[in-house]
PDB file of N, CA and C in Angstrom:
ATOM      1  N   UNK A   1       0.838  -1.197   0.000  1.00  0.00           N
ATOM      2  CA  UNK A   1       0.000   0.000   0.000  1.00  0.00           C
ATOM      3  C   UNK A   1       0.876   1.250   0.000  1.00  0.00           C
ATOM      4  N   UNK A   2       0.462   2.262  -0.744  1.00  0.00           N
ATOM      5  CA  UNK A   2       1.251   3.507  -0.741  1.00  0.00           C
ATOM      6  C   UNK A   2       1.146   4.199   0.610  1.00  0.00           C
ATOM      7  N   UNK A   3       2.169   4.919   0.983  1.00  0.00           N
ATOM      8  CA  UNK A   3       2.099   5.646   2.262  1.00  0.00           C
ATOM      9  C   UNK A   3       1.024   6.720   2.206  1.00  0.00           C
ATOM     10  N   UNK A   4       0.464   6.996   3.356  1.00  0.00           N
ATOM     11  CA  UNK A   4      -0.572   8.034   3.407  1.00  0.00           C
ATOM     12  C   UNK A   4       0.052   9.394   3.123  1.00  0.00           C
ATOM     13  N   UNK A   5      -0.510  10.079   2.158  1.00  0.00           N
ATOM     14  CA  UNK A   5      -0.022  11.408   1.820  1.00  0.00           C
ATOM     15  C   UNK A   5      -0.740  12.435   2.683  1.00  0.00           C
ATOM     16  N   UNK A   6      -0.035  13.473   3.090  1.00  0.00           N
ATOM     17  CA  UNK A   6      -0.722  14.514   3.870  1.00  0.00           C
ATOM     18  C   UNK A   6      -1.769  15.202   2.999  1.00  0.00           C
ATOM     19  N   UNK A   7      -2.848  15.640   3.569  1.00  0.00           N
ATOM     20  CA  UNK A   7      -3.880  16.306   2.760  1.00  0.00           C
ATOM     21  C   UNK A   7      -3.339  17.588   2.141  1.00  0.00           C
ATOM     22  N   UNK A   8      -3.730  17.822   0.911  1.00  0.00           N
ATOM     23  CA  UNK A   8      -3.287  19.046   0.235  1.00  0.00           C
ATOM     24  C   UNK A   8      -3.972  20.235   0.896  1.00  0.00           C
ATOM     25  N   UNK A   9      -3.174  21.191   1.284  1.00  0.00           N
ATOM     26  CA  UNK A   9      -3.748  22.360   1.944  1.00  0.00           C
ATOM     27  C   UNK A   9      -3.649  23.561   1.021  1.00  0.00           C
ATOM     28  N   UNK A  10      -4.685  24.332   0.986  1.00  0.00           N
ATOM     29  CA  UNK A  10      -4.705  25.577   0.234  1.00  0.00           C
ATOM     30  C   UNK A  10      -4.773  26.707   1.247  1.00  0.00           C
ATOM     31  N   UNK A  11      -4.461  27.903   0.786  1.00  0.00           N
ATOM     32  CA  UNK A  11      -4.465  29.034   1.694  1.00  0.00           C
ATOM     33  C   UNK A  11      -5.816  29.248   2.353  1.00  0.00           C
ATOM     34  N   UNK A  12      -6.895  28.952   1.627  1.00  0.00           N
ATOM     35  CA  UNK A  12      -8.229  29.175   2.171  1.00  0.00           C
ATOM     36  C   UNK A  12      -8.527  28.213   3.318  1.00  0.00           C
ATOM     37  N   UNK A  13      -7.857  27.065   3.329  1.00  0.00           N
ATOM     38  CA  UNK A  13      -8.092  26.107   4.407  1.00  0.00           C
ATOM     39  C   UNK A  13      -7.443  26.566   5.714  1.00  0.00           C
ATOM     40  N   UNK A  14      -6.349  27.299   5.591  1.00  0.00           N
ATOM     41  CA  UNK A  14      -5.610  27.715   6.785  1.00  0.00           C
ATOM     42  C   UNK A  14      -6.313  28.903   7.452  1.00  0.00           C
ATOM     43  N   UNK A  15      -6.667  29.898   6.652  1.00  0.00           N
ATOM     44  CA  UNK A  15      -7.330  31.080   7.191  1.00  0.00           C
ATOM     45  C   UNK A  15      -8.511  31.416   6.292  1.00  0.00           C
ATOM     46  N   UNK A  16      -9.550  31.978   6.846  1.00  0.00           N
ATOM     47  CA  UNK A  16     -10.680  32.364   5.999  1.00  0.00           C
ATOM     48  C   UNK A  16     -10.268  33.436   4.996  1.00  0.00           C
ATOM     49  N   UNK A  17     -10.801  33.328   3.797  1.00  0.00           N
ATOM     50  CA  UNK A  17     -10.435  34.288   2.750  1.00  0.00           C
ATOM     51  C   UNK A  17     -10.920  35.681   3.144  1.00  0.00           C
ATOM     52  N   UNK A  18     -10.035  36.629   3.037  1.00  0.00           N
ATOM     53  CA  UNK A  18     -10.368  38.008   3.370  1.00  0.00           C
ATOM     54  C   UNK A  18     -10.542  38.770   2.056  1.00  0.00           C
ATOM     55  N   UNK A  19     -11.731  39.277   1.813  1.00  0.00           N
ATOM     56  CA  UNK A  19     -12.019  39.947   0.548  1.00  0.00           C
ATOM     57  C   UNK A  19     -11.121  41.148   0.304  1.00  0.00           C
ATOM     58  N   UNK A  20     -10.852  41.912   1.356  1.00  0.00           N
ATOM     59  CA  UNK A  20     -10.017  43.105   1.198  1.00  0.00           C
ATOM     60  C   UNK A  20      -8.595  42.701   0.841  1.00  0.00           C
ATOM     61  N   UNK A  21      -8.074  41.693   1.531  1.00  0.00           N
ATOM     62  CA  UNK A  21      -6.711  41.243   1.256  1.00  0.00           C
ATOM     63  C   UNK A  21      -6.614  40.686  -0.158  1.00  0.00           C
ATOM     64  N   UNK A  22      -7.608  39.918  -0.581  1.00  0.00           N
ATOM     65  CA  UNK A  22      -7.615  39.388  -1.943  1.00  0.00           C
ATOM     66  C   UNK A  22      -7.607  40.517  -2.959  1.00  0.00           C
ATOM     67  N   UNK A  23      -8.398  41.544  -2.691  1.00  0.00           N
ATOM     68  CA  UNK A  23      -8.472  42.671  -3.613  1.00  0.00           C
ATOM     69  C   UNK A  23      -7.128  43.383  -3.698  1.00  0.00           C
ATOM     70  N   UNK A  24      -6.476  43.576  -2.548  1.00  0.00           N
ATOM     71  CA  UNK A  24      -5.171  44.243  -2.531  1.00  0.00           C
ATOM     72  C   UNK A  24      -4.142  43.410  -3.293  1.00  0.00           C
ATOM     73  N   UNK A  25      -4.132  42.096  -3.060  1.00  0.00           N
ATOM     74  CA  UNK A  25      -3.161  41.242  -3.743  1.00  0.00           C
ATOM     75  C   UNK A  25      -3.418  41.205  -5.243  1.00  0.00           C
ATOM     76  N   UNK A  26      -4.681  41.143  -5.644  1.00  0.00           N
ATOM     77  CA  UNK A  26      -5.001  41.140  -7.072  1.00  0.00           C
ATOM     78  C   UNK A  26      -4.584  42.454  -7.716  1.00  0.00           C
ATOM     79  N   UNK A  27      -4.851  43.569  -7.053  1.00  0.00           N
ATOM     80  CA  UNK A  27      -4.484  44.880  -7.586  1.00  0.00           C
ATOM     81  C   UNK A  27      -2.966  45.006  -7.673  1.00  0.00           C
ATOM     82  N   UNK A  28      -2.261  44.527  -6.645  1.00  0.00           N
ATOM     83  CA  UNK A  28      -0.801  44.583  -6.652  1.00  0.00           C
ATOM     84  C   UNK A  28      -0.244  43.760  -7.805  1.00  0.00           C
ATOM     85  N   UNK A  29      -0.770  42.554  -8.002  1.00  0.00           N
ATOM     86  CA  UNK A  29      -0.304  41.709  -9.101  1.00  0.00           C
ATOM     87  C   UNK A  29      -0.575  42.384 -10.443  1.00  0.00           C
ATOM     88  N   UNK A  30      -1.728  43.022 -10.574  1.00  0.00           N
ATOM     89  CA  UNK A  30      -2.083  43.720 -11.808  1.00  0.00           C
ATOM     90  C   UNK A  30      -1.102  44.860 -12.085  1.00  0.00           C
ATOM     91  N   UNK A  31      -0.823  45.660 -11.061  1.00  0.00           N
ATOM     92  CA  UNK A  31       0.087  46.796 -11.220  1.00  0.00           C
ATOM     93  C   UNK A  31       1.494  46.310 -11.561  1.00  0.00           C
ATOM     94  N   UNK A  32       1.937  45.239 -10.914  1.00  0.00           N
ATOM     95  CA  UNK A  32       3.271  44.702 -11.184  1.00  0.00           C
ATOM     96  C   UNK A  32       3.366  44.221 -12.629  1.00  0.00           C
ATOM     97  N   UNK A  33       2.329  43.539 -13.107  1.00  0.00           N
ATOM     98  CA  UNK A  33       2.349  43.051 -14.491  1.00  0.00           C
ATOM     99  C   UNK A  33       2.389  44.212 -15.475  1.00  0.00           C
ATOM    100  N   UNK A  34       1.597  45.236 -15.228  1.00  0.00           N
ATOM    101  CA  UNK A  34       1.601  46.409 -16.105  1.00  0.00           C
ATOM    102  C   UNK A  34       2.971  47.077 -16.071  1.00  0.00           C
ATOM    103  N   UNK A  35       3.536  47.198 -14.869  1.00  0.00           N
ATOM    104  CA  UNK A  35       4.847  47.828 -14.736  1.00  0.00           C
ATOM    105  C   UNK A  35       5.935  47.060 -15.459  1.00  0.00           C
ATOM    106  N   UNK A  36       5.920  45.742 -15.340  1.00  0.00           N
ATOM    107  CA  UNK A  36       6.929  44.934 -16.030  1.00  0.00           C
ATOM    108  C   UNK A  36       6.762  45.034 -17.541  1.00  0.00           C
ATOM    109  N   UNK A  37       5.524  45.052 -18.005  1.00  0.00           N
ATOM    110  CA  UNK A  37       5.284  45.197 -19.441  1.00  0.00           C
ATOM    111  C   UNK A  37       5.791  46.535 -19.951  1.00  0.00           C
ATOM    112  N   UNK A  38       5.505  47.610 -19.216  1.00  0.00           N
ATOM    113  CA  UNK A  38       5.959  48.944 -19.614  1.00  0.00           C
ATOM    114  C   UNK A  38       7.479  49.009 -19.610  1.00  0.00           C
ATOM    115  N   UNK A  39       8.095  48.403 -18.593  1.00  0.00           N
ATOM    116  CA  UNK A  39       9.553  48.395 -18.473  1.00  0.00           C
ATOM    117  C   UNK A  39      10.176  47.653 -19.652  1.00  0.00           C
ATOM    118  N   UNK A  40       9.581  46.532 -20.043  1.00  0.00           N
ATOM    119  CA  UNK A  40      10.095  45.764 -21.176  1.00  0.00           C
ATOM    120  C   UNK A  40       9.983  46.573 -22.465  1.00  0.00           C
ATOM    121  N   UNK A  41       8.880  47.313 -22.618  1.00  0.00           N
ATOM    122  CA  UNK A  41       8.707  48.136 -23.817  1.00  0.00           C
ATOM    123  C   UNK A  41       9.729  49.268 -23.819  1.00  0.00           C
ATOM    124  N   UNK A  42       9.933  49.896 -22.671  1.00  0.00           N
ATOM    125  CA  UNK A  42      10.890  50.998 -22.570  1.00  0.00           C
ATOM    126  C   UNK A  42      12.303  50.548 -22.923  1.00  0.00           C
ATOM    127  N   UNK A  43      12.676  49.358 -22.509  1.00  0.00           N
ATOM    128  CA  UNK A  43      14.024  48.863 -22.780  1.00  0.00           C
ATOM    129  C   UNK A  43      14.147  48.249 -24.169  1.00  0.00           C
ATOM    130  N   UNK A  44      13.045  48.147 -24.878  1.00  0.00           N
ATOM    131  CA  UNK A  44      13.093  47.562 -26.207  1.00  0.00           C
ATOM    132  C   UNK A  44      13.127  46.047 -26.187  1.00  0.00           C
ATOM    133  N   UNK A  45      12.833  45.448 -25.031  1.00  0.00           N
ATOM    134  CA  UNK A  45      12.853  43.988 -24.960  1.00  0.00           C
ATOM    135  C   UNK A  45      11.690  43.384 -25.732  1.00  0.00           C
ATOM    136  N   UNK A  46      10.583  44.126 -25.796  1.00  0.00           N
ATOM    137  CA  UNK A  46       9.409  43.597 -26.490  1.00  0.00           C
ATOM    138  C   UNK A  46       9.709  43.413 -27.973  1.00  0.00           C
ATOM    139  N   UNK A  47      10.404  44.398 -28.586  1.00  0.00           N
ATOM    140  CA  UNK A  47      10.743  44.281 -30.001  1.00  0.00           C
ATOM    141  C   UNK A  47      11.695  43.117 -30.233  1.00  0.00           C
ATOM    142  N   UNK A  48      12.659  42.938 -29.330  1.00  0.00           N
ATOM    143  CA  UNK A  48      13.596  41.820 -29.468  1.00  0.00           C
ATOM    144  C   UNK A  48      12.863  40.487 -29.371  1.00  0.00           C
ATOM    145  N   UNK A  49      11.935  40.393 -28.432  1.00  0.00           N
ATOM    146  CA  UNK A  49      11.204  39.145 -28.240  1.00  0.00           C
ATOM    147  C   UNK A  49      10.327  38.837 -29.446  1.00  0.00           C
ATOM    148  N   UNK A  50       9.612  39.833 -29.945  1.00  0.00           N
ATOM    149  CA  UNK A  50       8.735  39.592 -31.091  1.00  0.00           C
ATOM    150  C   UNK A  50       9.545  39.298 -32.344  1.00  0.00           C
ATOM    151  N   UNK A  51      10.727  39.885 -32.476  1.00  0.00           N
ATOM    152  CA  UNK A  51      11.547  39.587 -33.652  1.00  0.00           C
ATOM    153  C   UNK A  51      12.083  38.162 -33.586  1.00  0.00           C
ATOM    154  N   UNK A  52      12.319  37.649 -32.377  1.00  0.00           N
ATOM    155  CA  UNK A  52      12.771  36.263 -32.249  1.00  0.00           C
ATOM    156  C   UNK A  52      11.654  35.289 -32.604  1.00  0.00           C
ATOM    157  N   UNK A  53      10.419  35.661 -32.322  1.00  0.00           N
ATOM    158  CA  UNK A  53       9.295  34.760 -32.570  1.00  0.00           C
ATOM    159  C   UNK A  53       8.888  34.729 -34.037  1.00  0.00           C
ATOM    160  N   UNK A  54       9.329  35.720 -34.822  1.00  0.00           N
ATOM    161  CA  UNK A  54       8.937  35.770 -36.239  1.00  0.00           C
ATOM    162  C   UNK A  54       9.742  34.785 -37.063  1.00  0.00           C
TER     163      UNK A  54
END
């Protein structure tokens, strides 16, 4: 028999989901993604990447 595996735990199982915290984390992730995209465009990395894919 295989050994008993510990139950998979998700963050919601440990603490109740906090709507405000989720909203802050989602907004932060959104801003970071936009910032990284803008930074890549400013440095010209986007053109290099698209030229490699062509």
